[in-house]
């Protein structure tokens, strides 16, 4: 399962859709807040069950 970090989305600060690999993921304010607290942390990404080109962020993995 792929993961996404803040660097992968150019340190985006606003919410909304962004391209990641072959899918579009929706960045929410809670995602940006987690990255502000831990800039090197990563979320796992899984394809939406309705549309495989839409990704959803899941569990957050803090940096070590």
N, C-alpha and C. Protein backbone atom coordinates (compact mmCIF):
# COMPACT_ATOMS: atom_id res chain seq x y z
N UNK A 1 0.85 -1.18 0.00
CA UNK A 1 0.00 0.00 0.00
C UNK A 1 0.89 1.24 0.00
N UNK A 2 0.68 2.14 -0.93
CA UNK A 2 1.53 3.34 -1.00
C UNK A 2 1.25 4.30 0.16
N UNK A 3 2.24 5.11 0.44
CA UNK A 3 2.08 6.17 1.44
C UNK A 3 2.37 7.51 0.79
N UNK A 4 1.87 8.56 1.41
CA UNK A 4 2.05 9.91 0.90
C UNK A 4 2.56 10.80 2.02
N UNK A 5 3.55 11.60 1.71
CA UNK A 5 4.09 12.55 2.67
C UNK A 5 3.83 13.98 2.20
N UNK A 6 4.07 14.91 3.08
CA UNK A 6 3.82 16.32 2.77
C UNK A 6 4.66 16.78 1.59
N UNK A 7 5.89 16.29 1.49
CA UNK A 7 6.74 16.66 0.35
C UNK A 7 6.14 16.18 -0.97
N UNK A 8 5.45 15.05 -0.94
CA UNK A 8 4.85 14.51 -2.16
C UNK A 8 3.78 15.42 -2.75
N UNK A 9 3.21 16.28 -1.93
CA UNK A 9 2.17 17.20 -2.39
C UNK A 9 2.63 18.65 -2.25
N UNK A 10 3.95 18.85 -2.36
CA UNK A 10 4.57 20.18 -2.37
C UNK A 10 4.17 21.04 -1.16
N UNK A 11 4.09 20.40 0.00
CA UNK A 11 3.77 21.09 1.25
C UNK A 11 2.49 21.93 1.13
N UNK A 12 1.49 21.35 0.49
CA UNK A 12 0.22 22.04 0.29
C UNK A 12 -0.34 22.52 1.64
N UNK A 13 -0.86 23.73 1.65
CA UNK A 13 -1.43 24.32 2.86
C UNK A 13 -2.95 24.47 2.78
N UNK A 14 -3.50 24.33 1.58
CA UNK A 14 -4.93 24.50 1.40
C UNK A 14 -5.58 23.14 1.14
N UNK A 15 -6.83 23.02 1.51
CA UNK A 15 -7.54 21.77 1.30
C UNK A 15 -8.02 21.68 -0.15
N UNK A 16 -8.23 20.47 -0.58
CA UNK A 16 -8.73 20.26 -1.93
C UNK A 16 -8.05 19.09 -2.59
N UNK A 17 -8.41 18.82 -3.83
CA UNK A 17 -7.84 17.68 -4.55
C UNK A 17 -6.43 17.98 -5.05
N UNK A 18 -5.56 16.97 -4.98
CA UNK A 18 -4.21 17.05 -5.54
C UNK A 18 -3.90 15.74 -6.27
N UNK A 19 -3.03 15.82 -7.25
CA UNK A 19 -2.61 14.62 -7.98
C UNK A 19 -1.50 13.92 -7.20
N UNK A 20 -1.61 12.61 -7.10
CA UNK A 20 -0.57 11.78 -6.49
C UNK A 20 -0.52 10.49 -7.29
N UNK A 21 0.61 10.30 -7.94
CA UNK A 21 0.79 9.13 -8.83
C UNK A 21 -0.32 9.10 -9.87
N UNK A 22 -1.07 8.03 -9.94
CA UNK A 22 -2.12 7.91 -10.96
C UNK A 22 -3.51 8.21 -10.42
N UNK A 23 -3.57 8.89 -9.28
CA UNK A 23 -4.88 9.17 -8.70
C UNK A 23 -4.96 10.60 -8.16
N UNK A 24 -6.14 11.00 -7.82
CA UNK A 24 -6.39 12.28 -7.18
C UNK A 24 -6.78 12.01 -5.74
N UNK A 25 -6.13 12.70 -4.81
CA UNK A 25 -6.48 12.54 -3.40
C UNK A 25 -7.01 13.86 -2.86
N UNK A 26 -7.94 13.75 -1.93
CA UNK A 26 -8.54 14.92 -1.31
C UNK A 26 -7.78 15.23 -0.02
N UNK A 27 -7.15 16.40 0.03
CA UNK A 27 -6.43 16.83 1.23
C UNK A 27 -7.41 17.64 2.08
N UNK A 28 -7.52 17.24 3.34
CA UNK A 28 -8.42 17.94 4.27
C UNK A 28 -7.60 18.69 5.30
N UNK A 29 -8.26 19.56 6.02
CA UNK A 29 -7.57 20.38 7.03
C UNK A 29 -6.90 19.52 8.09
N UNK A 30 -7.49 18.39 8.45
CA UNK A 30 -6.87 17.53 9.46
C UNK A 30 -5.58 16.90 8.95
N UNK A 31 -5.48 16.66 7.66
CA UNK A 31 -4.24 16.13 7.08
C UNK A 31 -3.13 17.18 7.17
N UNK A 32 -3.45 18.41 6.77
CA UNK A 32 -2.47 19.49 6.85
C UNK A 32 -2.04 19.72 8.30
N UNK A 33 -2.97 19.66 9.23
CA UNK A 33 -2.64 19.85 10.65
C UNK A 33 -1.68 18.77 11.14
N UNK A 34 -1.91 17.52 10.75
CA UNK A 34 -1.00 16.44 11.15
C UNK A 34 0.39 16.66 10.57
N UNK A 35 0.45 17.08 9.31
CA UNK A 35 1.74 17.33 8.68
C UNK A 35 2.45 18.52 9.30
N UNK A 36 1.72 19.53 9.73
CA UNK A 36 2.36 20.66 10.40
C UNK A 36 3.02 20.20 11.70
N UNK A 37 2.35 19.30 12.41
CA UNK A 37 2.91 18.76 13.65
C UNK A 37 4.06 17.80 13.40
N UNK A 38 4.01 17.06 12.31
CA UNK A 38 5.03 16.07 11.98
C UNK A 38 5.27 16.09 10.46
N UNK A 39 6.09 17.03 9.98
CA UNK A 39 6.27 17.21 8.54
C UNK A 39 6.78 15.98 7.78
N UNK A 40 7.43 15.05 8.48
CA UNK A 40 7.95 13.86 7.81
C UNK A 40 7.05 12.65 7.97
N UNK A 41 5.91 12.81 8.63
CA UNK A 41 4.95 11.72 8.77
C UNK A 41 4.29 11.41 7.43
N UNK A 42 3.68 10.23 7.35
CA UNK A 42 3.07 9.80 6.08
C UNK A 42 1.70 9.18 6.35
N UNK A 43 0.80 9.34 5.39
CA UNK A 43 -0.51 8.68 5.42
C UNK A 43 -0.49 7.53 4.42
N UNK A 44 -1.21 6.43 4.75
CA UNK A 44 -1.35 5.43 3.70
C UNK A 44 -2.44 5.90 2.74
N UNK A 45 -2.35 5.45 1.51
CA UNK A 45 -3.28 5.85 0.45
C UNK A 45 -3.91 4.59 -0.11
N UNK A 46 -5.22 4.59 -0.22
CA UNK A 46 -5.90 3.47 -0.87
C UNK A 46 -6.92 4.02 -1.86
N UNK A 47 -7.14 3.27 -2.90
CA UNK A 47 -8.09 3.68 -3.94
C UNK A 47 -9.50 3.60 -3.41
N UNK A 48 -10.31 4.54 -3.82
CA UNK A 48 -11.72 4.55 -3.46
C UNK A 48 -12.40 3.32 -4.04
N UNK A 49 -13.35 2.76 -3.31
CA UNK A 49 -14.06 1.59 -3.83
C UNK A 49 -14.95 1.95 -5.01
N UNK A 50 -15.39 3.20 -5.08
CA UNK A 50 -16.25 3.63 -6.18
C UNK A 50 -15.47 4.00 -7.44
N UNK A 51 -14.24 4.51 -7.26
CA UNK A 51 -13.46 4.98 -8.41
C UNK A 51 -11.97 4.78 -8.11
N UNK A 52 -11.30 3.87 -8.81
CA UNK A 52 -9.89 3.59 -8.53
C UNK A 52 -8.93 4.74 -8.84
N UNK A 53 -9.40 5.78 -9.54
CA UNK A 53 -8.54 6.93 -9.80
C UNK A 53 -8.63 7.98 -8.70
N UNK A 54 -9.46 7.71 -7.69
CA UNK A 54 -9.60 8.61 -6.55
C UNK A 54 -8.99 7.90 -5.34
N UNK A 55 -8.02 8.57 -4.71
CA UNK A 55 -7.38 8.00 -3.54
C UNK A 55 -7.91 8.61 -2.25
N UNK A 56 -7.87 7.84 -1.21
CA UNK A 56 -8.30 8.30 0.11
C UNK A 56 -7.14 8.11 1.08
N UNK A 57 -6.91 9.12 1.92
CA UNK A 57 -5.86 9.01 2.92
C UNK A 57 -6.39 8.26 4.12
N UNK A 58 -5.57 7.37 4.64
CA UNK A 58 -5.98 6.55 5.78
C UNK A 58 -5.13 6.83 7.01
N UNK A 59 -4.58 5.77 7.54
CA UNK A 59 -3.81 5.83 8.78
C UNK A 59 -2.57 6.71 8.64
N UNK A 60 -2.27 7.46 9.67
CA UNK A 60 -1.08 8.32 9.71
C UNK A 60 0.05 7.57 10.39
N UNK A 61 1.21 7.61 9.78
CA UNK A 61 2.40 6.97 10.34
C UNK A 61 3.39 8.07 10.71
N UNK A 62 3.59 8.32 12.00
CA UNK A 62 4.52 9.38 12.42
C UNK A 62 5.95 9.06 12.01
N UNK A 63 6.73 10.12 11.85
CA UNK A 63 8.14 9.94 11.53
C UNK A 63 8.87 9.39 12.75
N UNK A 64 10.01 8.82 12.51
CA UNK A 64 10.80 8.24 13.61
C UNK A 64 11.76 9.25 14.17
